[in-house]
Amino acid sequence: MNLYIILFAAIAFEVIGTMLLPISQNFTKLFPSIVLLISYGASFYLLAFLSQKLPLAIIYASWAGLGVFSVALLSYIFYKQALNWQTIIGLFLIVIGVTIVNIYKGVE
């Protein structure tokens, strides 16, 4: 299986968990809290697996950067949180940074 598919799955699980944080209402809602914990657990399990196969800098830059980008975008869509132009520029810079890290991962 392609390692980057596993990385995107880890990112997706982390984003799901993060998006459920407000819905769990400080872990007082059982179902969202369980799904949140399972999502984070799956994400960290996949990250641990990937840490044996890919450079940690690549894994973490991709996981954190694309996670932040996704959560910001989904928060705008689902929670109606504002995104001003400065935030949008910052989010695109994150994506550009993650892309550059992945393109030049093996260049010395």
PDB file of N, CA and C in Angstrom:
ATOM      1  N   MET A   1       0.853  -1.188   0.000  1.00  0.00           N
ATOM      2  CA  MET A   1       0.000   0.000   0.000  1.00  0.00           C
ATOM      3  C   MET A   1       0.892   1.243   0.000  1.00  0.00           C
ATOM      4  N   ASN A   2       0.499   2.211  -0.760  1.00  0.00           N
ATOM      5  CA  ASN A   2       1.256   3.448  -0.846  1.00  0.00           C
ATOM      6  C   ASN A   2       1.289   4.143   0.516  1.00  0.00           C
ATOM      7  N   LEU A   3       2.487   4.521   0.948  1.00  0.00           N
ATOM      8  CA  LEU A   3       2.641   5.144   2.263  1.00  0.00           C
ATOM      9  C   LEU A   3       1.933   6.492   2.349  1.00  0.00           C
ATOM     10  N   TYR A   4       1.819   7.177   1.232  1.00  0.00           N
ATOM     11  CA  TYR A   4       1.146   8.474   1.268  1.00  0.00           C
ATOM     12  C   TYR A   4      -0.365   8.329   1.433  1.00  0.00           C
ATOM     13  N   ILE A   5      -0.925   7.220   0.995  1.00  0.00           N
ATOM     14  CA  ILE A   5      -2.347   6.961   1.271  1.00  0.00           C
ATOM     15  C   ILE A   5      -2.548   6.778   2.771  1.00  0.00           C
ATOM     16  N   ILE A   6      -1.619   6.070   3.408  1.00  0.00           N
ATOM     17  CA  ILE A   6      -1.688   5.892   4.865  1.00  0.00           C
ATOM     18  C   ILE A   6      -1.520   7.235   5.563  1.00  0.00           C
ATOM     19  N   LEU A   7      -0.620   8.073   5.063  1.00  0.00           N
ATOM     20  CA  LEU A   7      -0.435   9.399   5.647  1.00  0.00           C
ATOM     21  C   LEU A   7      -1.708  10.231   5.522  1.00  0.00           C
ATOM     22  N   PHE A   8      -2.350  10.199   4.374  1.00  0.00           N
ATOM     23  CA  PHE A   8      -3.604  10.947   4.206  1.00  0.00           C
ATOM     24  C   PHE A   8      -4.706  10.380   5.100  1.00  0.00           C
ATOM     25  N   ALA A   9      -4.698   9.079   5.326  1.00  0.00           N
ATOM     26  CA  ALA A   9      -5.665   8.486   6.257  1.00  0.00           C
ATOM     27  C   ALA A   9      -5.406   8.986   7.675  1.00  0.00           C
ATOM     28  N   ALA A  10      -4.131   9.065   8.069  1.00  0.00           N
ATOM     29  CA  ALA A  10      -3.789   9.589   9.397  1.00  0.00           C
ATOM     30  C   ALA A  10      -4.260  11.034   9.543  1.00  0.00           C
ATOM     31  N   ILE A  11      -4.067  11.814   8.499  1.00  0.00           N
ATOM     32  CA  ILE A  11      -4.519  13.207   8.509  1.00  0.00           C
ATOM     33  C   ILE A  11      -6.040  13.262   8.612  1.00  0.00           C
ATOM     34  N   ALA A  12      -6.716  12.435   7.852  1.00  0.00           N
ATOM     35  CA  ALA A  12      -8.185  12.423   7.867  1.00  0.00           C
ATOM     36  C   ALA A  12      -8.707  12.059   9.259  1.00  0.00           C
ATOM     37  N   PHE A  13      -8.118  11.047   9.893  1.00  0.00           N
ATOM     38  CA  PHE A  13      -8.547  10.670  11.243  1.00  0.00           C
ATOM     39  C   PHE A  13      -8.313  11.807  12.231  1.00  0.00           C
ATOM     40  N   GLU A  14      -7.185  12.491  12.111  1.00  0.00           N
ATOM     41  CA  GLU A  14      -6.899  13.610  13.014  1.00  0.00           C
ATOM     42  C   GLU A  14      -7.890  14.739  12.801  1.00  0.00           C
ATOM     43  N   VAL A  15      -8.231  15.020  11.561  1.00  0.00           N
ATOM     44  CA  VAL A  15      -9.190  16.085  11.249  1.00  0.00           C
ATOM     45  C   VAL A  15     -10.577  15.718  11.784  1.00  0.00           C
ATOM     46  N   ILE A  16     -10.983  14.476  11.614  1.00  0.00           N
ATOM     47  CA  ILE A  16     -12.277  14.031  12.151  1.00  0.00           C
ATOM     48  C   ILE A  16     -12.315  14.232  13.660  1.00  0.00           C
ATOM     49  N   GLY A  17     -11.263  13.796  14.341  1.00  0.00           N
ATOM     50  CA  GLY A  17     -11.210  13.958  15.791  1.00  0.00           C
ATOM     51  C   GLY A  17     -11.278  15.419  16.212  1.00  0.00           C
ATOM     52  N   THR A  18     -10.532  16.255  15.527  1.00  0.00           N
ATOM     53  CA  THR A  18     -10.518  17.677  15.864  1.00  0.00           C
ATOM     54  C   THR A  18     -11.872  18.326  15.599  1.00  0.00           C
ATOM     55  N   MET A  19     -12.510  17.965  14.496  1.00  0.00           N
ATOM     56  CA  MET A  19     -13.814  18.538  14.179  1.00  0.00           C
ATOM     57  C   MET A  19     -14.885  18.111  15.188  1.00  0.00           C
ATOM     58  N   LEU A  20     -14.679  16.983  15.846  1.00  0.00           N
ATOM     59  CA  LEU A  20     -15.649  16.512  16.830  1.00  0.00           C
ATOM     60  C   LEU A  20     -15.444  17.121  18.217  1.00  0.00           C
ATOM     61  N   LEU A  21     -14.338  17.831  18.430  1.00  0.00           N
ATOM     62  CA  LEU A  21     -14.094  18.426  19.749  1.00  0.00           C
ATOM     63  C   LEU A  21     -15.246  19.319  20.218  1.00  0.00           C
ATOM     64  N   PRO A  22     -15.732  20.273  19.404  1.00  0.00           N
ATOM     65  CA  PRO A  22     -16.851  21.094  19.875  1.00  0.00           C
ATOM     66  C   PRO A  22     -18.133  20.291  20.093  1.00  0.00           C
ATOM     67  N   ILE A  23     -18.359  19.301  19.238  1.00  0.00           N
ATOM     68  CA  ILE A  23     -19.588  18.504  19.330  1.00  0.00           C
ATOM     69  C   ILE A  23     -19.596  17.629  20.584  1.00  0.00           C
ATOM     70  N   SER A  24     -18.408  17.212  21.031  1.00  0.00           N
ATOM     71  CA  SER A  24     -18.329  16.360  22.225  1.00  0.00           C
ATOM     72  C   SER A  24     -18.687  17.125  23.502  1.00  0.00           C
ATOM     73  N   GLN A  25     -18.690  18.449  23.420  1.00  0.00           N
ATOM     74  CA  GLN A  25     -19.019  19.315  24.566  1.00  0.00           C
ATOM     75  C   GLN A  25     -18.244  18.898  25.813  1.00  0.00           C
ATOM     76  N   ASN A  26     -16.912  19.020  25.707  1.00  0.00           N
ATOM     77  CA  ASN A  26     -16.000  18.664  26.804  1.00  0.00           C
ATOM     78  C   ASN A  26     -16.152  17.212  27.232  1.00  0.00           C
ATOM     79  N   PHE A  27     -16.337  16.337  26.270  1.00  0.00           N
ATOM     80  CA  PHE A  27     -16.462  14.894  26.488  1.00  0.00           C
ATOM     81  C   PHE A  27     -17.701  14.517  27.297  1.00  0.00           C
ATOM     82  N   THR A  28     -18.731  15.352  27.235  1.00  0.00           N
ATOM     83  CA  THR A  28     -19.980  15.021  27.937  1.00  0.00           C
ATOM     84  C   THR A  28     -20.966  14.296  27.018  1.00  0.00           C
ATOM     85  N   LYS A  29     -20.752  14.347  25.719  1.00  0.00           N
ATOM     86  CA  LYS A  29     -21.591  13.634  24.749  1.00  0.00           C
ATOM     87  C   LYS A  29     -20.875  12.343  24.384  1.00  0.00           C
ATOM     88  N   LEU A  30     -21.489  11.215  24.686  1.00  0.00           N
ATOM     89  CA  LEU A  30     -20.824   9.917  24.597  1.00  0.00           C
ATOM     90  C   LEU A  30     -20.391   9.558  23.171  1.00  0.00           C
ATOM     91  N   PHE A  31     -21.317   9.548  22.214  1.00  0.00           N
ATOM     92  CA  PHE A  31     -20.980   9.085  20.873  1.00  0.00           C
ATOM     93  C   PHE A  31     -19.891   9.935  20.205  1.00  0.00           C
ATOM     94  N   PRO A  32     -20.034  11.273  20.184  1.00  0.00           N
ATOM     95  CA  PRO A  32     -18.963  12.064  19.563  1.00  0.00           C
ATOM     96  C   PRO A  32     -17.626  11.886  20.290  1.00  0.00           C
ATOM     97  N   SER A  33     -17.672  11.720  21.596  1.00  0.00           N
ATOM     98  CA  SER A  33     -16.433  11.541  22.356  1.00  0.00           C
ATOM     99  C   SER A  33     -15.751  10.232  22.003  1.00  0.00           C
ATOM    100  N   ILE A  34     -16.525   9.174  21.844  1.00  0.00           N
ATOM    101  CA  ILE A  34     -15.956   7.873  21.480  1.00  0.00           C
ATOM    102  C   ILE A  34     -15.344   7.925  20.083  1.00  0.00           C
ATOM    103  N   VAL A  35     -16.073   8.510  19.133  1.00  0.00           N
ATOM    104  CA  VAL A  35     -15.562   8.612  17.764  1.00  0.00           C
ATOM    105  C   VAL A  35     -14.310   9.486  17.739  1.00  0.00           C
ATOM    106  N   LEU A  36     -14.311  10.560  18.506  1.00  0.00           N
ATOM    107  CA  LEU A  36     -13.165  11.449  18.604  1.00  0.00           C
ATOM    108  C   LEU A  36     -11.939  10.687  19.097  1.00  0.00           C
ATOM    109  N   LEU A  37     -12.070   9.940  20.172  1.00  0.00           N
ATOM    110  CA  LEU A  37     -10.942   9.196  20.738  1.00  0.00           C
ATOM    111  C   LEU A  37     -10.462   8.099  19.796  1.00  0.00           C
ATOM    112  N   ILE A  38     -11.391   7.419  19.142  1.00  0.00           N
ATOM    113  CA  ILE A  38     -11.007   6.387  18.167  1.00  0.00           C
ATOM    114  C   ILE A  38     -10.271   7.028  16.991  1.00  0.00           C
ATOM    115  N   SER A  39     -10.740   8.177  16.537  1.00  0.00           N
ATOM    116  CA  SER A  39     -10.101   8.872  15.419  1.00  0.00           C
ATOM    117  C   SER A  39      -8.680   9.281  15.762  1.00  0.00           C
ATOM    118  N   TYR A  40      -8.504   9.894  16.925  1.00  0.00           N
ATOM    119  CA  TYR A  40      -7.154  10.277  17.343  1.00  0.00           C
ATOM    120  C   TYR A  40      -6.271   9.054  17.520  1.00  0.00           C
ATOM    121  N   GLY A  41      -6.817   7.983  18.107  1.00  0.00           N
ATOM    122  CA  GLY A  41      -6.042   6.754  18.280  1.00  0.00           C
ATOM    123  C   GLY A  41      -5.589   6.179  16.951  1.00  0.00           C
ATOM    124  N   ALA A  42      -6.500   6.138  15.980  1.00  0.00           N
ATOM    125  CA  ALA A  42      -6.153   5.633  14.649  1.00  0.00           C
ATOM    126  C   ALA A  42      -5.099   6.512  13.989  1.00  0.00           C
ATOM    127  N   SER A  43      -5.243   7.818  14.141  1.00  0.00           N
ATOM    128  CA  SER A  43      -4.280   8.733  13.556  1.00  0.00           C
ATOM    129  C   SER A  43      -2.887   8.505  14.130  1.00  0.00           C
ATOM    130  N   PHE A  44      -2.782   8.421  15.437  1.00  0.00           N
ATOM    131  CA  PHE A  44      -1.471   8.220  16.064  1.00  0.00           C
ATOM    132  C   PHE A  44      -0.904   6.831  15.764  1.00  0.00           C
ATOM    133  N   TYR A  45      -1.771   5.829  15.654  1.00  0.00           N
ATOM    134  CA  TYR A  45      -1.299   4.494  15.285  1.00  0.00           C
ATOM    135  C   TYR A  45      -0.672   4.529  13.890  1.00  0.00           C
ATOM    136  N   LEU A  46      -1.364   5.172  12.945  1.00  0.00           N
ATOM    137  CA  LEU A  46      -0.839   5.270  11.587  1.00  0.00           C
ATOM    138  C   LEU A  46       0.442   6.096  11.540  1.00  0.00           C
ATOM    139  N   LEU A  47       0.512   7.156  12.344  1.00  0.00           N
ATOM    140  CA  LEU A  47       1.747   7.956  12.405  1.00  0.00           C
ATOM    141  C   LEU A  47       2.905   7.127  12.945  1.00  0.00           C
ATOM    142  N   ALA A  48       2.637   6.316  13.956  1.00  0.00           N
ATOM    143  CA  ALA A  48       3.686   5.451  14.515  1.00  0.00           C
ATOM    144  C   ALA A  48       4.175   4.461  13.458  1.00  0.00           C
ATOM    145  N   PHE A  49       3.241   3.886  12.697  1.00  0.00           N
ATOM    146  CA  PHE A  49       3.615   2.976  11.613  1.00  0.00           C
ATOM    147  C   PHE A  49       4.470   3.701  10.574  1.00  0.00           C
ATOM    148  N   LEU A  50       4.013   4.880  10.170  1.00  0.00           N
ATOM    149  CA  LEU A  50       4.729   5.640   9.148  1.00  0.00           C
ATOM    150  C   LEU A  50       6.110   6.090   9.602  1.00  0.00           C
ATOM    151  N   SER A  51       6.274   6.307  10.900  1.00  0.00           N
ATOM    152  CA  SER A  51       7.567   6.785  11.405  1.00  0.00           C
ATOM    153  C   SER A  51       8.677   5.755  11.181  1.00  0.00           C
ATOM    154  N   GLN A  52       8.305   4.515  10.901  1.00  0.00           N
ATOM    155  CA  GLN A  52       9.286   3.471  10.584  1.00  0.00           C
ATOM    156  C   GLN A  52       9.599   3.421   9.093  1.00  0.00           C
ATOM    157  N   LYS A  53       8.801   4.106   8.294  1.00  0.00           N
ATOM    158  CA  LYS A  53       8.916   3.988   6.835  1.00  0.00           C
ATOM    159  C   LYS A  53       9.332   5.279   6.124  1.00  0.00           C
ATOM    160  N   LEU A  54       8.970   6.427   6.704  1.00  0.00           N
ATOM    161  CA  LEU A  54       9.238   7.724   6.079  1.00  0.00           C
ATOM    162  C   LEU A  54       9.970   8.618   7.072  1.00  0.00           C
ATOM    163  N   PRO A  55      10.679   9.631   6.570  1.00  0.00           N
ATOM    164  CA  PRO A  55      11.323  10.579   7.484  1.00  0.00           C
ATOM    165  C   PRO A  55      10.281  11.311   8.344  1.00  0.00           C
ATOM    166  N   LEU A  56      10.581  11.450   9.614  1.00  0.00           N
ATOM    167  CA  LEU A  56       9.653  12.076  10.554  1.00  0.00           C
ATOM    168  C   LEU A  56       9.319  13.511  10.155  1.00  0.00           C
ATOM    169  N   ALA A  57      10.286  14.235   9.611  1.00  0.00           N
ATOM    170  CA  ALA A  57      10.026  15.619   9.183  1.00  0.00           C
ATOM    171  C   ALA A  57       8.956  15.675   8.103  1.00  0.00           C
ATOM    172  N   ILE A  58       8.981  14.728   7.187  1.00  0.00           N
ATOM    173  CA  ILE A  58       7.989  14.678   6.116  1.00  0.00           C
ATOM    174  C   ILE A  58       6.619  14.340   6.691  1.00  0.00           C
ATOM    175  N   ILE A  59       6.598  13.339   7.559  1.00  0.00           N
ATOM    176  CA  ILE A  59       5.330  12.912   8.155  1.00  0.00           C
ATOM    177  C   ILE A  59       4.696  14.051   8.931  1.00  0.00           C
ATOM    178  N   TYR A  60       5.479  14.670   9.809  1.00  0.00           N
ATOM    179  CA  TYR A  60       4.903  15.675  10.696  1.00  0.00           C
ATOM    180  C   TYR A  60       4.535  16.947   9.946  1.00  0.00           C
ATOM    181  N   ALA A  61       5.370  17.364   9.006  1.00  0.00           N
ATOM    182  CA  ALA A  61       5.044  18.571   8.224  1.00  0.00           C
ATOM    183  C   ALA A  61       3.740  18.368   7.466  1.00  0.00           C
ATOM    184  N   SER A  62       3.582  17.205   6.866  1.00  0.00           N
ATOM    185  CA  SER A  62       2.367  16.924   6.104  1.00  0.00           C
ATOM    186  C   SER A  62       1.160  16.807   7.018  1.00  0.00           C
ATOM    187  N   TRP A  63       1.315  16.058   8.103  1.00  0.00           N
ATOM    188  CA  TRP A  63       0.210  15.809   9.035  1.00  0.00           C
ATOM    189  C   TRP A  63      -0.262  17.117   9.669  1.00  0.00           C
ATOM    190  N   ALA A  64       0.672  17.888  10.185  1.00  0.00           N
ATOM    191  CA  ALA A  64       0.306  19.138  10.859  1.00  0.00           C
ATOM    192  C   ALA A  64      -0.207  20.184   9.865  1.00  0.00           C
ATOM    193  N   GLY A  65       0.512  20.375   8.782  1.00  0.00           N
ATOM    194  CA  GLY A  65       0.135  21.403   7.819  1.00  0.00           C
ATOM    195  C   GLY A  65      -1.201  21.142   7.154  1.00  0.00           C
ATOM    196  N   LEU A  66      -1.374  19.946   6.628  1.00  0.00           N
ATOM    197  CA  LEU A  66      -2.640  19.638   5.954  1.00  0.00           C
ATOM    198  C   LEU A  66      -3.773  19.504   6.957  1.00  0.00           C
ATOM    199  N   GLY A  67      -3.452  19.091   8.180  1.00  0.00           N
ATOM    200  CA  GLY A  67      -4.471  19.043   9.230  1.00  0.00           C
ATOM    201  C   GLY A  67      -4.980  20.429   9.576  1.00  0.00           C
ATOM    202  N   VAL A  68      -4.083  21.372   9.751  1.00  0.00           N
ATOM    203  CA  VAL A  68      -4.480  22.756  10.052  1.00  0.00           C
ATOM    204  C   VAL A  68      -5.302  23.333   8.909  1.00  0.00           C
ATOM    205  N   PHE A  69      -4.833  23.129   7.689  1.00  0.00           N
ATOM    206  CA  PHE A  69      -5.557  23.632   6.520  1.00  0.00           C
ATOM    207  C   PHE A  69      -6.971  23.051   6.465  1.00  0.00           C
ATOM    208  N   SER A  70      -7.075  21.743   6.649  1.00  0.00           N
ATOM    209  CA  SER A  70      -8.378  21.068   6.562  1.00  0.00           C
ATOM    210  C   SER A  70      -9.319  21.502   7.672  1.00  0.00           C
ATOM    211  N   VAL A  71      -8.809  21.586   8.891  1.00  0.00           N
ATOM    212  CA  VAL A  71      -9.659  21.985  10.014  1.00  0.00           C
ATOM    213  C   VAL A  71     -10.155  23.419   9.832  1.00  0.00           C
ATOM    214  N   ALA A  72      -9.287  24.300   9.370  1.00  0.00           N
ATOM    215  CA  ALA A  72      -9.711  25.688   9.148  1.00  0.00           C
ATOM    216  C   ALA A  72     -10.800  25.754   8.081  1.00  0.00           C
ATOM    217  N   LEU A  73     -10.614  25.040   7.000  1.00  0.00           N
ATOM    218  CA  LEU A  73     -11.598  25.048   5.922  1.00  0.00           C
ATOM    219  C   LEU A  73     -12.919  24.418   6.361  1.00  0.00           C
ATOM    220  N   LEU A  74     -12.852  23.282   7.035  1.00  0.00           N
ATOM    221  CA  LEU A  74     -14.068  22.614   7.491  1.00  0.00           C
ATOM    222  C   LEU A  74     -14.771  23.388   8.606  1.00  0.00           C
ATOM    223  N   SER A  75     -14.007  24.084   9.434  1.00  0.00           N
ATOM    224  CA  SER A  75     -14.618  24.922  10.474  1.00  0.00           C
ATOM    225  C   SER A  75     -15.392  26.075   9.843  1.00  0.00           C
ATOM    226  N   TYR A  76     -14.880  26.586   8.760  1.00  0.00           N
ATOM    227  CA  TYR A  76     -15.581  27.633   8.022  1.00  0.00           C
ATOM    228  C   TYR A  76     -16.901  27.086   7.468  1.00  0.00           C
ATOM    229  N   ILE A  77     -16.855  25.869   6.917  1.00  0.00           N
ATOM    230  CA  ILE A  77     -18.036  25.277   6.295  1.00  0.00           C
ATOM    231  C   ILE A  77     -19.065  24.840   7.340  1.00  0.00           C
ATOM    232  N   PHE A  78     -18.628  24.076   8.342  1.00  0.00           N
ATOM    233  CA  PHE A  78     -19.573  23.468   9.280  1.00  0.00           C
ATOM    234  C   PHE A  78     -19.902  24.327  10.495  1.00  0.00           C
ATOM    235  N   TYR A  79     -18.936  25.086  10.968  1.00  0.00           N
ATOM    236  CA  TYR A  79     -19.158  25.885  12.185  1.00  0.00           C
ATOM    237  C   TYR A  79     -19.289  27.372  11.905  1.00  0.00           C
ATOM    238  N   LYS A  80     -19.280  27.731  10.615  1.00  0.00           N
ATOM    239  CA  LYS A  80     -19.450  29.134  10.191  1.00  0.00           C
ATOM    240  C   LYS A  80     -18.427  30.071  10.836  1.00  0.00           C
ATOM    241  N   GLN A  81     -17.205  29.561  11.022  1.00  0.00           N
ATOM    242  CA  GLN A  81     -16.146  30.394  11.587  1.00  0.00           C
ATOM    243  C   GLN A  81     -15.539  31.240  10.473  1.00  0.00           C
ATOM    244  N   ALA A  82     -15.213  32.462  10.813  1.00  0.00           N
ATOM    245  CA  ALA A  82     -14.743  33.418   9.811  1.00  0.00           C
ATOM    246  C   ALA A  82     -13.328  33.090   9.336  1.00  0.00           C
ATOM    247  N   LEU A  83     -13.102  33.354   8.062  1.00  0.00           N
ATOM    248  CA  LEU A  83     -11.763  33.278   7.474  1.00  0.00           C
ATOM    249  C   LEU A  83     -11.503  34.611   6.780  1.00  0.00           C
ATOM    250  N   ASN A  84     -10.627  35.436   7.348  1.00  0.00           N
ATOM    251  CA  ASN A  84     -10.302  36.693   6.680  1.00  0.00           C
ATOM    252  C   ASN A  84      -9.209  36.450   5.642  1.00  0.00           C
ATOM    253  N   TRP A  85      -8.901  37.443   4.863  1.00  0.00           N
ATOM    254  CA  TRP A  85      -7.957  37.253   3.766  1.00  0.00           C
ATOM    255  C   TRP A  85      -6.569  36.907   4.274  1.00  0.00           C
ATOM    256  N   GLN A  86      -6.174  37.424   5.446  1.00  0.00           N
ATOM    257  CA  GLN A  86      -4.866  37.099   6.003  1.00  0.00           C
ATOM    258  C   GLN A  86      -4.780  35.611   6.366  1.00  0.00           C
ATOM    259  N   THR A  87      -5.867  35.080   6.923  1.00  0.00           N
ATOM    260  CA  THR A  87      -5.916  33.668   7.272  1.00  0.00           C
ATOM    261  C   THR A  87      -5.854  32.797   6.030  1.00  0.00           C
ATOM    262  N   ILE A  88      -6.567  33.195   5.009  1.00  0.00           N
ATOM    263  CA  ILE A  88      -6.566  32.429   3.759  1.00  0.00           C
ATOM    264  C   ILE A  88      -5.169  32.396   3.145  1.00  0.00           C
ATOM    265  N   ILE A  89      -4.496  33.531   3.135  1.00  0.00           N
ATOM    266  CA  ILE A  89      -3.114  33.568   2.628  1.00  0.00           C
ATOM    267  C   ILE A  89      -2.222  32.659   3.471  1.00  0.00           C
ATOM    268  N   GLY A  90      -2.364  32.728   4.786  1.00  0.00           N
ATOM    269  CA  GLY A  90      -1.575  31.867   5.662  1.00  0.00           C
ATOM    270  C   GLY A  90      -1.817  30.393   5.409  1.00  0.00           C
ATOM    271  N   LEU A  91      -3.069  30.021   5.190  1.00  0.00           N
ATOM    272  CA  LEU A  91      -3.389  28.623   4.909  1.00  0.00           C
ATOM    273  C   LEU A  91      -2.761  28.159   3.595  1.00  0.00           C
ATOM    274  N   PHE A  92      -2.792  29.004   2.580  1.00  0.00           N
ATOM    275  CA  PHE A  92      -2.161  28.623   1.321  1.00  0.00           C
ATOM    276  C   PHE A  92      -0.645  28.551   1.452  1.00  0.00           C
ATOM    277  N   LEU A  93      -0.066  29.390   2.295  1.00  0.00           N
ATOM    278  CA  LEU A  93       1.376  29.294   2.547  1.00  0.00           C
ATOM    279  C   LEU A  93       1.724  27.975   3.233  1.00  0.00           C
ATOM    280  N   ILE A  94       0.846  27.511   4.112  1.00  0.00           N
ATOM    281  CA  ILE A  94       1.057  26.208   4.750  1.00  0.00           C
ATOM    282  C   ILE A  94       1.075  25.118   3.685  1.00  0.00           C
ATOM    283  N   VAL A  95       0.107  25.145   2.780  1.00  0.00           N
ATOM    284  CA  VAL A  95       0.042  24.128   1.723  1.00  0.00           C
ATOM    285  C   VAL A  95       1.285  24.206   0.835  1.00  0.00           C
ATOM    286  N   ILE A  96       1.709  25.411   0.510  1.00  0.00           N
ATOM    287  CA  ILE A  96       2.922  25.571  -0.299  1.00  0.00           C
ATOM    288  C   ILE A  96       4.129  25.017   0.448  1.00  0.00           C
ATOM    289  N   GLY A  97       4.217  25.303   1.740  1.00  0.00           N
ATOM    290  CA  GLY A  97       5.329  24.795   2.549  1.00  0.00           C
ATOM    291  C   GLY A  97       5.360  23.281   2.600  1.00  0.00           C
ATOM    292  N   VAL A  98       4.205  22.668   2.831  1.00  0.00           N
ATOM    293  CA  VAL A  98       4.127  21.202   2.866  1.00  0.00           C
ATOM    294  C   VAL A  98       4.509  20.624   1.501  1.00  0.00           C
ATOM    295  N   THR A  99       4.068  21.257   0.438  1.00  0.00           N
ATOM    296  CA  THR A  99       4.406  20.796  -0.913  1.00  0.00           C
ATOM    297  C   THR A  99       5.912  20.871  -1.148  1.00  0.00           C
ATOM    298  N   ILE A 100       6.525  21.963  -0.767  1.00  0.00           N
ATOM    299  CA  ILE A 100       7.974  22.123  -0.950  1.00  0.00           C
ATOM    300  C   ILE A 100       8.737  21.080  -0.139  1.00  0.00           C
ATOM    301  N   VAL A 101       8.328  20.856   1.098  1.00  0.00           N
ATOM    302  CA  VAL A 101       8.990  19.848   1.941  1.00  0.00           C
ATOM    303  C   VAL A 101       8.906  18.482   1.274  1.00  0.00           C
ATOM    304  N   ASN A 102       7.755  18.138   0.732  1.00  0.00           N
ATOM    305  CA  ASN A 102       7.593  16.824   0.100  1.00  0.00           C
ATOM    306  C   ASN A 102       8.313  16.716  -1.240  1.00  0.00           C
ATOM    307  N   ILE A 103       8.377  17.776  -1.994  1.00  0.00           N
ATOM    308  CA  ILE A 103       9.063  17.735  -3.292  1.00  0.00           C
ATOM    309  C   ILE A 103      10.570  17.572  -3.096  1.00  0.00           C
ATOM    310  N   TYR A 104      11.121  18.286  -2.134  1.00  0.00           N
ATOM    311  CA  TYR A 104      12.566  18.293  -1.949  1.00  0.00           C
ATOM    312  C   TYR A 104      13.030  17.427  -0.784  1.00  0.00           C
ATOM    313  N   LYS A 105      12.263  16.392  -0.447  1.00  0.00           N
ATOM    314  CA  LYS A 105      12.589  15.541   0.685  1.00  0.00           C
ATOM    315  C   LYS A 105      13.881  14.764   0.509  1.00  0.00           C
ATOM    316  N   GLY A 106      14.225  14.432  -0.704  1.00  0.00           N
ATOM    317  CA  GLY A 106      15.411  13.622  -0.915  1.00  0.00           C
ATOM    318  C   GLY A 106      16.589  14.385  -1.507  1.00  0.00           C
ATOM    319  N   VAL A 107      16.414  15.672  -1.741  1.00  0.00           N
ATOM    320  CA  VAL A 107      17.464  16.476  -2.358  1.00  0.00           C
ATOM    321  C   VAL A 107      18.455  16.927  -1.302  1.00  0.00           C
ATOM    322  N   GLU A 108      19.727  16.786  -1.625  1.00  0.00           N
ATOM    323  CA  GLU A 108      20.769  17.217  -0.681  1.00  0.00           C
ATOM    324  C   GLU A 108      21.586  18.323  -1.258  1.00  0.00           C
TER     325      GLU A 108
END
